[in-house]
Amino acid sequence: MGTWSTDVLGNDAALDTLGALTDRELSFTDLADELRGGYIESDAGAAVLALVEVALAARGLRDLPHTEAVEAARDLLDDERAAWLLDQTDQVLGAGSEVYELWQEASEQSLSEWLGKVEASIEDLRQALSAAPAGAVGGSGD
């Protein structure tokens, strides 16, 4: 995983996910397949976390410079998909997740910073979904 910061979007896999979202090539079916089973590869884990961040931006809760990805997210990341992403975060932040293992191998300070940012994003999205009327951000897509 090419990582340059502890920001949720500070890695190659996250930016690849935003590119796929922008190009309307992101497949939730494929992502779900990658998350099913045992070990979660870093790209799949980073994708889930990046999509949490973009779901927040689509709801006006984050200011991201990736405007095309945020626009695409408004169509693809409805409340149901956002809730599904939240359901996946326990796996991504647990044993058997390469992205988490890679951060564990980094310094204790880096792990703590990254985890703090990730957990804040997860909680912000959880709060947004509990406060929003059903289908507040929505559209269709795979």
Protein backbone atom coordinates (compact mmCIF):
# COMPACT_ATOMS: atom_id res chain seq x y z
CA MET A 1 0.00 0.00 0.00
CA GLY A 2 1.59 3.27 -1.12
CA THR A 3 0.86 5.56 1.83
CA TRP A 4 2.01 9.12 2.31
CA SER A 5 -0.10 10.28 5.25
CA THR A 6 -2.35 9.08 8.03
CA ASP A 7 -5.34 10.66 6.29
CA VAL A 8 -8.04 8.22 5.21
CA LEU A 9 -7.38 9.20 1.59
CA GLY A 10 -3.59 9.30 1.99
CA ASN A 11 -2.85 6.13 0.03
CA ASP A 12 -2.86 4.80 -3.52
CA ALA A 13 -5.74 2.38 -3.03
CA ALA A 14 -8.03 5.11 -1.70
CA LEU A 15 -7.29 7.35 -4.66
CA ASP A 16 -7.79 4.42 -7.06
CA THR A 17 -11.21 3.94 -5.47
CA LEU A 18 -12.05 7.61 -6.01
CA GLY A 19 -10.97 7.27 -9.65
CA ALA A 20 -13.21 4.25 -10.15
CA LEU A 21 -16.07 6.11 -8.48
CA THR A 22 -15.53 9.15 -10.69
CA ASP A 23 -15.41 6.99 -13.82
CA ARG A 24 -18.54 5.14 -12.67
CA GLU A 25 -16.55 1.89 -12.73
CA LEU A 26 -16.84 1.07 -9.04
CA SER A 27 -18.64 -2.20 -8.45
CA PHE A 28 -20.10 -2.82 -5.02
CA THR A 29 -20.65 -6.43 -6.04
CA ASP A 30 -16.91 -6.84 -6.66
CA LEU A 31 -16.06 -5.04 -3.43
CA ALA A 32 -18.46 -7.26 -1.48
CA ASP A 33 -16.82 -10.33 -3.04
CA GLU A 34 -13.38 -9.08 -1.96
CA LEU A 35 -14.63 -8.60 1.60
CA ARG A 36 -16.32 -11.97 1.83
CA GLY A 37 -14.40 -14.75 3.43
CA GLY A 38 -11.26 -14.60 5.48
CA TYR A 39 -8.44 -12.19 4.86
CA ILE A 40 -9.17 -8.66 3.60
CA GLU A 41 -6.55 -7.33 1.19
CA SER A 42 -5.37 -3.77 1.74
CA ASP A 43 -6.97 -2.41 -1.45
CA ALA A 44 -10.43 -3.61 -0.39
CA GLY A 45 -10.01 -2.30 3.13
CA ALA A 46 -8.75 1.06 1.92
CA ALA A 47 -11.65 1.23 -0.55
CA VAL A 48 -14.22 0.80 2.22
CA LEU A 49 -12.62 3.55 4.29
CA ALA A 50 -12.30 5.88 1.29
CA LEU A 51 -15.96 5.36 0.46
CA VAL A 52 -16.93 6.22 4.03
CA GLU A 53 -15.06 9.51 3.62
CA VAL A 54 -16.69 10.24 0.26
CA ALA A 55 -20.12 9.35 1.65
CA LEU A 56 -19.54 12.05 4.25
CA ALA A 57 -18.55 14.55 1.56
CA ALA A 58 -21.65 13.67 -0.48
CA ARG A 59 -23.71 14.60 2.58
CA GLY A 60 -21.87 17.90 3.02
CA LEU A 61 -19.94 16.72 6.07
CA ARG A 62 -16.45 16.73 4.54
CA ASP A 63 -14.74 19.14 2.20
CA LEU A 64 -12.83 17.02 -0.31
CA PRO A 65 -10.97 18.31 -3.36
CA HIS A 66 -12.18 15.28 -5.35
CA THR A 67 -15.37 16.97 -6.58
CA GLU A 68 -16.11 14.50 -9.39
CA ALA A 69 -15.94 11.56 -6.99
CA VAL A 70 -18.20 13.39 -4.55
CA GLU A 71 -20.72 14.07 -7.34
CA ALA A 72 -20.67 10.40 -8.33
CA ALA A 73 -21.10 9.45 -4.68
CA ARG A 74 -24.30 11.45 -4.50
CA ASP A 75 -25.74 9.02 -7.04
CA LEU A 76 -24.19 5.79 -5.76
CA LEU A 77 -23.77 6.08 -2.00
CA ASP A 78 -27.36 6.18 -0.79
CA ASP A 79 -28.14 5.51 2.86
CA GLU A 80 -28.40 1.76 2.30
CA ARG A 81 -24.94 1.53 0.73
CA ALA A 82 -23.48 3.88 3.34
CA ALA A 83 -24.88 1.64 6.09
CA TRP A 84 -23.40 -1.38 4.33
CA LEU A 85 -20.01 0.35 4.31
CA LEU A 86 -20.30 0.98 8.04
CA ASP A 87 -21.06 -2.71 8.55
CA GLN A 88 -17.78 -3.57 6.79
CA THR A 89 -15.59 -1.32 8.94
CA ASP A 90 -15.39 -3.79 11.83
CA GLN A 91 -13.72 -6.29 9.47
CA VAL A 92 -11.44 -3.64 7.99
CA LEU A 93 -10.27 -2.56 11.45
CA GLY A 94 -9.87 -6.05 12.85
CA ALA A 95 -7.70 -9.10 12.73
CA GLY A 96 -7.42 -10.50 9.23
CA SER A 97 -7.27 -7.10 7.56
CA GLU A 98 -4.12 -6.24 5.67
CA VAL A 99 -4.70 -2.49 5.80
CA TYR A 100 -4.94 -2.66 9.59
CA GLU A 101 -1.89 -4.94 9.81
CA LEU A 102 0.13 -2.51 7.71
CA TRP A 103 -0.72 0.33 10.06
CA GLN A 104 0.16 -1.86 13.05
CA GLU A 105 3.60 -2.37 11.49
CA ALA A 106 4.05 1.41 11.25
CA SER A 107 4.92 3.43 14.31
CA GLU A 108 2.57 3.48 17.29
CA GLN A 109 2.01 7.20 16.67
CA SER A 110 1.07 6.67 13.01
CA LEU A 111 -1.34 3.87 13.89
CA SER A 112 -2.94 6.04 16.57
CA GLU A 113 -3.31 9.04 14.23
CA TRP A 114 -4.74 6.94 11.39
CA LEU A 115 -7.10 5.03 13.64
CA GLY A 116 -8.34 8.26 15.24
CA LYS A 117 -9.19 9.70 11.82
CA VAL A 118 -10.84 6.51 10.60
CA GLU A 119 -12.91 6.08 13.74
CA ALA A 120 -14.01 9.73 13.60
CA SER A 121 -15.18 9.27 10.00
CA ILE A 122 -17.05 6.10 10.90
CA GLU A 123 -18.79 7.80 13.81
CA ASP A 124 -19.64 10.88 11.71
CA LEU A 125 -21.27 8.72 9.04
CA ARG A 126 -23.11 6.69 11.67
CA GLN A 127 -24.47 9.94 13.15
CA ALA A 128 -25.42 11.28 9.71
CA LEU A 129 -27.36 8.14 8.86
CA SER A 130 -29.20 8.11 12.16
CA ALA A 131 -30.23 11.76 11.67
CA ALA A 132 -31.16 11.61 7.98
CA PRO A 133 -34.54 10.64 6.58
CA ALA A 134 -34.41 7.35 4.65
CA GLY A 135 -32.90 7.77 1.18
CA ALA A 136 -31.66 11.32 1.84
CA VAL A 137 -28.72 10.83 -0.51
CA GLY A 138 -29.52 8.40 -3.21
CA GLY A 139 -29.57 7.16 -6.69
CA SER A 140 -28.95 3.93 -8.44
CA GLY A 141 -26.03 1.90 -9.68
CA ASP A 142 -24.09 -1.28 -9.08
